[in-house]
Amino acid sequence: DLIFWKGHVAMVVNPDTLIHANGHTMSVCYEGIREAIHRISSGGHGLVQARQRY
């Protein structure tokens, strides 16, 4: 599954974790989905959207 927000995409690893190139830490990292969505939404980076595979 994929999660998108303004100018970015992350891959879902499992129900609780994503992996992405993180501009916040300047590295590729695993991050909790809930924590990432909270950080992105409160940082004014736009709407977080998900795309599930079939």
PDB file of N, CA and C in Angstrom:
ATOM      1  N   ASP A   1       0.840  -1.173   0.000  1.00  0.00           N
ATOM      2  CA  ASP A   1       0.000   0.000   0.000  1.00  0.00           C
ATOM      3  C   ASP A   1       0.892   1.247   0.000  1.00  0.00           C
ATOM      4  N   LEU A   2       0.341   2.335  -0.475  1.00  0.00           N
ATOM      5  CA  LEU A   2       1.084   3.595  -0.558  1.00  0.00           C
ATOM      6  C   LEU A   2       0.340   4.691   0.187  1.00  0.00           C
ATOM      7  N   ILE A   3       1.079   5.601   0.771  1.00  0.00           N
ATOM      8  CA  ILE A   3       0.514   6.780   1.417  1.00  0.00           C
ATOM      9  C   ILE A   3       1.139   8.000   0.748  1.00  0.00           C
ATOM     10  N   PHE A   4       0.288   8.944   0.359  1.00  0.00           N
ATOM     11  CA  PHE A   4       0.736  10.147  -0.347  1.00  0.00           C
ATOM     12  C   PHE A   4       0.428  11.391   0.465  1.00  0.00           C
ATOM     13  N   TRP A   5       1.294  12.390   0.355  1.00  0.00           N
ATOM     14  CA  TRP A   5       0.999  13.743   0.803  1.00  0.00           C
ATOM     15  C   TRP A   5       1.769  14.675  -0.099  1.00  0.00           C
ATOM     16  N   LYS A   6       1.594  15.953   0.040  1.00  0.00           N
ATOM     17  CA  LYS A   6       2.139  16.944  -0.881  1.00  0.00           C
ATOM     18  C   LYS A   6       3.600  16.666  -1.229  1.00  0.00           C
ATOM     19  N   GLY A   7       3.849  16.304  -2.497  1.00  0.00           N
ATOM     20  CA  GLY A   7       5.203  16.092  -2.997  1.00  0.00           C
ATOM     21  C   GLY A   7       5.919  14.868  -2.465  1.00  0.00           C
ATOM     22  N   HIS A   8       5.165  13.879  -1.922  1.00  0.00           N
ATOM     23  CA  HIS A   8       5.835  12.762  -1.274  1.00  0.00           C
ATOM     24  C   HIS A   8       4.995  11.496  -1.359  1.00  0.00           C
ATOM     25  N   VAL A   9       5.680  10.362  -1.224  1.00  0.00           N
ATOM     26  CA  VAL A   9       5.007   9.061  -1.145  1.00  0.00           C
ATOM     27  C   VAL A   9       5.787   8.173  -0.184  1.00  0.00           C
ATOM     28  N   ALA A  10       5.052   7.309   0.521  1.00  0.00           N
ATOM     29  CA  ALA A  10       5.677   6.347   1.437  1.00  0.00           C
ATOM     30  C   ALA A  10       5.075   4.981   1.165  1.00  0.00           C
ATOM     31  N   MET A  11       5.830   3.935   1.447  1.00  0.00           N
ATOM     32  CA  MET A  11       5.345   2.564   1.298  1.00  0.00           C
ATOM     33  C   MET A  11       4.982   2.011   2.663  1.00  0.00           C
ATOM     34  N   VAL A  12       3.821   1.354   2.725  1.00  0.00           N
ATOM     35  CA  VAL A  12       3.380   0.730   3.965  1.00  0.00           C
ATOM     36  C   VAL A  12       4.072  -0.618   4.093  1.00  0.00           C
ATOM     37  N   VAL A  13       4.726  -0.841   5.226  1.00  0.00           N
ATOM     38  CA  VAL A  13       5.465  -2.076   5.480  1.00  0.00           C
ATOM     39  C   VAL A  13       4.579  -3.101   6.184  1.00  0.00           C
ATOM     40  N   ASN A  14       3.804  -2.630   7.140  1.00  0.00           N
ATOM     41  CA  ASN A  14       2.854  -3.470   7.870  1.00  0.00           C
ATOM     42  C   ASN A  14       1.750  -2.545   8.383  1.00  0.00           C
ATOM     43  N   PRO A  15       0.754  -3.049   9.080  1.00  0.00           N
ATOM     44  CA  PRO A  15      -0.371  -2.183   9.481  1.00  0.00           C
ATOM     45  C   PRO A  15       0.012  -0.964  10.331  1.00  0.00           C
ATOM     46  N   ASP A  16       1.185  -0.956  10.932  1.00  0.00           N
ATOM     47  CA  ASP A  16       1.564   0.140  11.824  1.00  0.00           C
ATOM     48  C   ASP A  16       2.762   0.959  11.353  1.00  0.00           C
ATOM     49  N   THR A  17       3.434   0.546  10.274  1.00  0.00           N
ATOM     50  CA  THR A  17       4.728   1.137   9.910  1.00  0.00           C
ATOM     51  C   THR A  17       4.802   1.470   8.424  1.00  0.00           C
ATOM     52  N   LEU A  18       5.477   2.588   8.116  1.00  0.00           N
ATOM     53  CA  LEU A  18       5.782   2.933   6.728  1.00  0.00           C
ATOM     54  C   LEU A  18       7.277   3.161   6.600  1.00  0.00           C
ATOM     55  N   ILE A  19       7.754   3.192   5.359  1.00  0.00           N
ATOM     56  CA  ILE A  19       9.153   3.522   5.074  1.00  0.00           C
ATOM     57  C   ILE A  19       9.147   4.614   4.011  1.00  0.00           C
ATOM     58  N   HIS A  20      10.029   5.606   4.208  1.00  0.00           N
ATOM     59  CA  HIS A  20      10.101   6.701   3.242  1.00  0.00           C
ATOM     60  C   HIS A  20      11.392   7.487   3.426  1.00  0.00           C
ATOM     61  N   ALA A  21      11.724   8.262   2.401  1.00  0.00           N
ATOM     62  CA  ALA A  21      12.845   9.192   2.489  1.00  0.00           C
ATOM     63  C   ALA A  21      12.332  10.388   3.274  1.00  0.00           C
ATOM     64  N   ASN A  22      12.814  10.545   4.474  1.00  0.00           N
ATOM     65  CA  ASN A  22      12.259  11.480   5.430  1.00  0.00           C
ATOM     66  C   ASN A  22      13.055  12.779   5.435  1.00  0.00           C
ATOM     67  N   GLY A  23      12.454  13.850   4.959  1.00  0.00           N
ATOM     68  CA  GLY A  23      13.106  15.154   4.984  1.00  0.00           C
ATOM     69  C   GLY A  23      13.256  15.690   6.399  1.00  0.00           C
ATOM     70  N   HIS A  24      12.445  15.186   7.310  1.00  0.00           N
ATOM     71  CA  HIS A  24      12.508  15.606   8.713  1.00  0.00           C
ATOM     72  C   HIS A  24      13.831  15.141   9.346  1.00  0.00           C
ATOM     73  N   THR A  25      14.250  13.900   9.024  1.00  0.00           N
ATOM     74  CA  THR A  25      15.513  13.365   9.561  1.00  0.00           C
ATOM     75  C   THR A  25      16.615  13.274   8.509  1.00  0.00           C
ATOM     76  N   MET A  26      16.284  13.621   7.249  1.00  0.00           N
ATOM     77  CA  MET A  26      17.219  13.549   6.121  1.00  0.00           C
ATOM     78  C   MET A  26      17.787  12.144   5.947  1.00  0.00           C
ATOM     79  N   SER A  27      16.917  11.147   6.022  1.00  0.00           N
ATOM     80  CA  SER A  27      17.335   9.763   5.850  1.00  0.00           C
ATOM     81  C   SER A  27      16.131   8.926   5.407  1.00  0.00           C
ATOM     82  N   VAL A  28      16.409   7.729   4.926  1.00  0.00           N
ATOM     83  CA  VAL A  28      15.346   6.767   4.658  1.00  0.00           C
ATOM     84  C   VAL A  28      15.109   6.043   5.975  1.00  0.00           C
ATOM     85  N   CYS A  29      13.845   6.011   6.406  1.00  0.00           N
ATOM     86  CA  CYS A  29      13.591   5.439   7.726  1.00  0.00           C
ATOM     87  C   CYS A  29      12.220   4.795   7.808  1.00  0.00           C
ATOM     88  N   TYR A  30      12.099   3.949   8.801  1.00  0.00           N
ATOM     89  CA  TYR A  30      10.811   3.395   9.182  1.00  0.00           C
ATOM     90  C   TYR A  30      10.187   4.365  10.172  1.00  0.00           C
ATOM     91  N   GLU A  31       8.880   4.548  10.074  1.00  0.00           N
ATOM     92  CA  GLU A  31       8.196   5.464  10.979  1.00  0.00           C
ATOM     93  C   GLU A  31       6.799   4.914  11.235  1.00  0.00           C
ATOM     94  N   GLY A  32       6.302   5.093  12.430  1.00  0.00           N
ATOM     95  CA  GLY A  32       4.939   4.687  12.739  1.00  0.00           C
ATOM     96  C   GLY A  32       3.960   5.482  11.885  1.00  0.00           C
ATOM     97  N   ILE A  33       2.961   4.815  11.322  1.00  0.00           N
ATOM     98  CA  ILE A  33       2.000   5.492  10.445  1.00  0.00           C
ATOM     99  C   ILE A  33       1.259   6.593  11.195  1.00  0.00           C
ATOM    100  N   ARG A  34       0.751   6.293  12.370  1.00  0.00           N
ATOM    101  CA  ARG A  34       0.003   7.306  13.135  1.00  0.00           C
ATOM    102  C   ARG A  34       0.872   8.508  13.462  1.00  0.00           C
ATOM    103  N   GLU A  35       2.111   8.258  13.865  1.00  0.00           N
ATOM    104  CA  GLU A  35       3.022   9.352  14.201  1.00  0.00           C
ATOM    105  C   GLU A  35       3.334  10.203  12.967  1.00  0.00           C
ATOM    106  N   ALA A  36       3.561   9.530  11.836  1.00  0.00           N
ATOM    107  CA  ALA A  36       3.874  10.253  10.602  1.00  0.00           C
ATOM    108  C   ALA A  36       2.693  11.118  10.164  1.00  0.00           C
ATOM    109  N   ILE A  37       1.495  10.557  10.193  1.00  0.00           N
ATOM    110  CA  ILE A  37       0.316  11.319   9.774  1.00  0.00           C
ATOM    111  C   ILE A  37       0.117  12.525  10.695  1.00  0.00           C
ATOM    112  N   HIS A  38       0.305  12.350  11.967  1.00  0.00           N
ATOM    113  CA  HIS A  38       0.167  13.468  12.906  1.00  0.00           C
ATOM    114  C   HIS A  38       1.206  14.557  12.604  1.00  0.00           C
ATOM    115  N   ARG A  39       2.467  14.150  12.408  1.00  0.00           N
ATOM    116  CA  ARG A  39       3.542  15.113  12.124  1.00  0.00           C
ATOM    117  C   ARG A  39       3.285  15.857  10.817  1.00  0.00           C
ATOM    118  N   ILE A  40       2.867  15.125   9.789  1.00  0.00           N
ATOM    119  CA  ILE A  40       2.630  15.731   8.470  1.00  0.00           C
ATOM    120  C   ILE A  40       1.448  16.694   8.523  1.00  0.00           C
ATOM    121  N   SER A  41       0.356  16.248   9.130  1.00  0.00           N
ATOM    122  CA  SER A  41      -0.856  17.082   9.207  1.00  0.00           C
ATOM    123  C   SER A  41      -0.614  18.343  10.030  1.00  0.00           C
ATOM    124  N   SER A  42       0.076  18.214  11.163  1.00  0.00           N
ATOM    125  CA  SER A  42       0.308  19.394  11.994  1.00  0.00           C
ATOM    126  C   SER A  42       1.389  20.291  11.436  1.00  0.00           C
ATOM    127  N   GLY A  43       2.197  19.792  10.509  1.00  0.00           N
ATOM    128  CA  GLY A  43       3.251  20.606   9.916  1.00  0.00           C
ATOM    129  C   GLY A  43       2.803  21.383   8.696  1.00  0.00           C
ATOM    130  N   GLY A  44       1.515  21.288   8.351  1.00  0.00           N
ATOM    131  CA  GLY A  44       0.993  22.033   7.210  1.00  0.00           C
ATOM    132  C   GLY A  44       1.410  21.476   5.868  1.00  0.00           C
ATOM    133  N   HIS A  45       1.680  20.172   5.795  1.00  0.00           N
ATOM    134  CA  HIS A  45       2.132  19.557   4.551  1.00  0.00           C
ATOM    135  C   HIS A  45       0.990  19.007   3.710  1.00  0.00           C
ATOM    136  N   GLY A  46      -0.229  19.350   4.049  1.00  0.00           N
ATOM    137  CA  GLY A  46      -1.373  18.965   3.237  1.00  0.00           C
ATOM    138  C   GLY A  46      -2.029  17.676   3.696  1.00  0.00           C
ATOM    139  N   LEU A  47      -3.009  17.278   2.919  1.00  0.00           N
ATOM    140  CA  LEU A  47      -3.821  16.110   3.203  1.00  0.00           C
ATOM    141  C   LEU A  47      -3.036  14.826   2.970  1.00  0.00           C
ATOM    142  N   VAL A  48      -3.136  13.897   3.884  1.00  0.00           N
ATOM    143  CA  VAL A  48      -2.510  12.578   3.740  1.00  0.00           C
ATOM    144  C   VAL A  48      -3.543  11.649   3.130  1.00  0.00           C
ATOM    145  N   GLN A  49      -3.175  10.972   2.041  1.00  0.00           N
ATOM    146  CA  GLN A  49      -4.086  10.061   1.356  1.00  0.00           C
ATOM    147  C   GLN A  49      -3.432   8.704   1.215  1.00  0.00           C
ATOM    148  N   ALA A  50      -4.243   7.661   1.241  1.00  0.00           N
ATOM    149  CA  ALA A  50      -3.734   6.297   1.098  1.00  0.00           C
ATOM    150  C   ALA A  50      -4.284   5.658  -0.162  1.00  0.00           C
ATOM    151  N   ARG A  51      -3.510   4.746  -0.704  1.00  0.00           N
ATOM    152  CA  ARG A  51      -3.932   3.962  -1.869  1.00  0.00           C
ATOM    153  C   ARG A  51      -3.642   2.508  -1.548  1.00  0.00           C
ATOM    154  N   GLN A  52      -4.683   1.707  -1.416  1.00  0.00           N
ATOM    155  CA  GLN A  52      -4.498   0.302  -1.095  1.00  0.00           C
ATOM    156  C   GLN A  52      -4.407  -0.517  -2.361  1.00  0.00           C
ATOM    157  N   ARG A  53      -3.576  -1.540  -2.322  1.00  0.00           N
ATOM    158  CA  ARG A  53      -3.496  -2.459  -3.449  1.00  0.00           C
ATOM    159  C   ARG A  53      -4.695  -3.393  -3.375  1.00  0.00           C
ATOM    160  N   TYR A  54      -4.966  -4.025  -4.466  1.00  0.00           N
ATOM    161  CA  TYR A  54      -6.145  -4.905  -4.536  1.00  0.00           C
ATOM    162  C   TYR A  54      -5.848  -6.272  -4.012  1.00  0.00           C
TER     163      TYR A  54
END
